[in-house]
Amino acid sequence: MASNKKQTSKAVATKASQILKDGRYSSKSKSVAGSALAQTRSGKKK
């Protein structure tokens, strides 16, 4: 299986974080936001 090396941009990660914190968004929106955050680069080096 090919590996996906694409990462979520900082702007998208910031918006996703805001969506997760805001109670006005649906659970589907929060699920998508969580997926986007899961694809962000962590601060740790492997």
N, C-alpha and C. Protein backbone atom coordinates (compact mmCIF):
# COMPACT_ATOMS: atom_id res chain seq x y z
N MET A 1 0.84 -1.17 0.00
CA MET A 1 0.00 0.00 0.00
C MET A 1 0.89 1.24 0.00
N ALA A 2 0.55 2.22 -0.79
CA ALA A 2 1.31 3.47 -0.87
C ALA A 2 1.07 4.31 0.38
N SER A 3 2.11 5.01 0.81
CA SER A 3 1.93 5.85 2.00
C SER A 3 1.53 7.26 1.57
N ASN A 4 0.68 7.87 2.38
CA ASN A 4 0.22 9.22 2.11
C ASN A 4 1.08 10.19 2.91
N LYS A 5 1.85 11.01 2.24
CA LYS A 5 2.75 11.93 2.92
C LYS A 5 2.19 13.34 3.00
N LYS A 6 0.94 13.53 2.59
CA LYS A 6 0.33 14.86 2.64
C LYS A 6 -0.01 15.21 4.07
N GLN A 7 0.15 16.48 4.41
CA GLN A 7 -0.13 16.96 5.75
C GLN A 7 -1.14 18.10 5.68
N THR A 8 -1.92 18.24 6.73
CA THR A 8 -2.88 19.33 6.82
C THR A 8 -2.12 20.63 7.07
N SER A 9 -2.51 21.69 6.37
CA SER A 9 -1.84 22.98 6.54
C SER A 9 -2.16 23.58 7.90
N LYS A 10 -1.34 24.53 8.32
CA LYS A 10 -1.54 25.17 9.62
C LYS A 10 -2.88 25.90 9.67
N ALA A 11 -3.28 26.55 8.58
CA ALA A 11 -4.55 27.28 8.55
C ALA A 11 -5.73 26.33 8.72
N VAL A 12 -5.69 25.20 8.05
CA VAL A 12 -6.78 24.23 8.14
C VAL A 12 -6.80 23.61 9.53
N ALA A 13 -5.63 23.33 10.09
CA ALA A 13 -5.55 22.77 11.44
C ALA A 13 -6.12 23.73 12.47
N THR A 14 -5.85 25.02 12.30
CA THR A 14 -6.38 26.03 13.21
C THR A 14 -7.89 26.07 13.14
N LYS A 15 -8.44 26.06 11.94
CA LYS A 15 -9.89 26.09 11.77
C LYS A 15 -10.52 24.81 12.33
N ALA A 16 -9.89 23.68 12.11
CA ALA A 16 -10.40 22.42 12.63
C ALA A 16 -10.44 22.45 14.16
N SER A 17 -9.43 23.01 14.76
CA SER A 17 -9.38 23.13 16.21
C SER A 17 -10.53 24.01 16.72
N GLN A 18 -10.80 25.09 16.01
CA GLN A 18 -11.90 25.98 16.40
C GLN A 18 -13.24 25.26 16.29
N ILE A 19 -13.41 24.45 15.27
CA ILE A 19 -14.65 23.71 15.07
C ILE A 19 -14.87 22.72 16.21
N LEU A 20 -13.80 22.04 16.63
CA LEU A 20 -13.93 21.07 17.71
C LEU A 20 -14.28 21.73 19.04
N LYS A 21 -13.83 22.96 19.24
CA LYS A 21 -14.11 23.66 20.49
C LYS A 21 -15.50 24.30 20.51
N ASP A 22 -16.08 24.53 19.35
CA ASP A 22 -17.36 25.25 19.24
C ASP A 22 -18.52 24.27 19.27
N GLY A 23 -19.46 24.48 20.15
CA GLY A 23 -20.61 23.60 20.30
C GLY A 23 -21.66 23.72 19.21
N ARG A 24 -21.54 24.71 18.34
CA ARG A 24 -22.56 24.94 17.31
C ARG A 24 -22.43 24.01 16.11
N TYR A 25 -21.31 23.32 15.97
CA TYR A 25 -21.09 22.46 14.81
C TYR A 25 -21.63 21.06 15.05
N SER A 26 -22.03 20.40 13.98
CA SER A 26 -22.59 19.05 14.07
C SER A 26 -21.49 18.03 14.36
N SER A 27 -21.92 16.83 14.73
CA SER A 27 -20.95 15.77 15.01
C SER A 27 -20.20 15.37 13.73
N LYS A 28 -20.85 15.47 12.59
CA LYS A 28 -20.17 15.16 11.31
C LYS A 28 -19.06 16.16 11.06
N SER A 29 -19.35 17.45 11.30
CA SER A 29 -18.34 18.48 11.11
C SER A 29 -17.15 18.25 12.04
N LYS A 30 -17.46 17.87 13.27
CA LYS A 30 -16.40 17.62 14.25
C LYS A 30 -15.59 16.39 13.88
N SER A 31 -16.23 15.41 13.27
CA SER A 31 -15.53 14.22 12.82
C SER A 31 -14.52 14.55 11.72
N VAL A 32 -14.96 15.38 10.78
CA VAL A 32 -14.08 15.80 9.69
C VAL A 32 -12.92 16.64 10.24
N ALA A 33 -13.23 17.53 11.18
CA ALA A 33 -12.20 18.36 11.79
C ALA A 33 -11.18 17.50 12.53
N GLY A 34 -11.66 16.49 13.23
CA GLY A 34 -10.77 15.57 13.93
C GLY A 34 -9.86 14.82 12.98
N SER A 35 -10.41 14.41 11.85
CA SER A 35 -9.60 13.72 10.84
C SER A 35 -8.52 14.64 10.29
N ALA A 36 -8.87 15.90 10.07
CA ALA A 36 -7.89 16.86 9.57
C ALA A 36 -6.77 17.05 10.59
N LEU A 37 -7.12 17.14 11.86
CA LEU A 37 -6.10 17.32 12.90
C LEU A 37 -5.23 16.08 13.04
N ALA A 38 -5.80 14.92 12.79
CA ALA A 38 -5.03 13.69 12.88
C ALA A 38 -3.95 13.62 11.81
N GLN A 39 -4.12 14.39 10.74
CA GLN A 39 -3.15 14.38 9.65
C GLN A 39 -2.16 15.53 9.73
N THR A 40 -2.18 16.27 10.83
CA THR A 40 -1.22 17.36 10.98
C THR A 40 0.12 16.80 11.44
N ARG A 41 1.13 17.58 11.23
CA ARG A 41 2.47 17.19 11.65
C ARG A 41 2.59 17.39 13.15
N SER A 42 3.09 16.41 13.85
CA SER A 42 3.29 16.61 15.28
C SER A 42 4.60 17.35 15.48
N GLY A 43 4.78 17.92 16.64
CA GLY A 43 5.99 18.67 16.93
C GLY A 43 7.19 17.78 17.19
N LYS A 44 6.96 16.49 17.32
CA LYS A 44 8.03 15.55 17.63
C LYS A 44 8.65 15.00 16.36
N LYS A 45 9.95 14.81 16.39
CA LYS A 45 10.63 14.17 15.27
C LYS A 45 10.76 12.69 15.55
N LYS A 46 10.63 11.89 14.50
CA LYS A 46 10.74 10.44 14.67
C LYS A 46 12.19 10.00 14.65
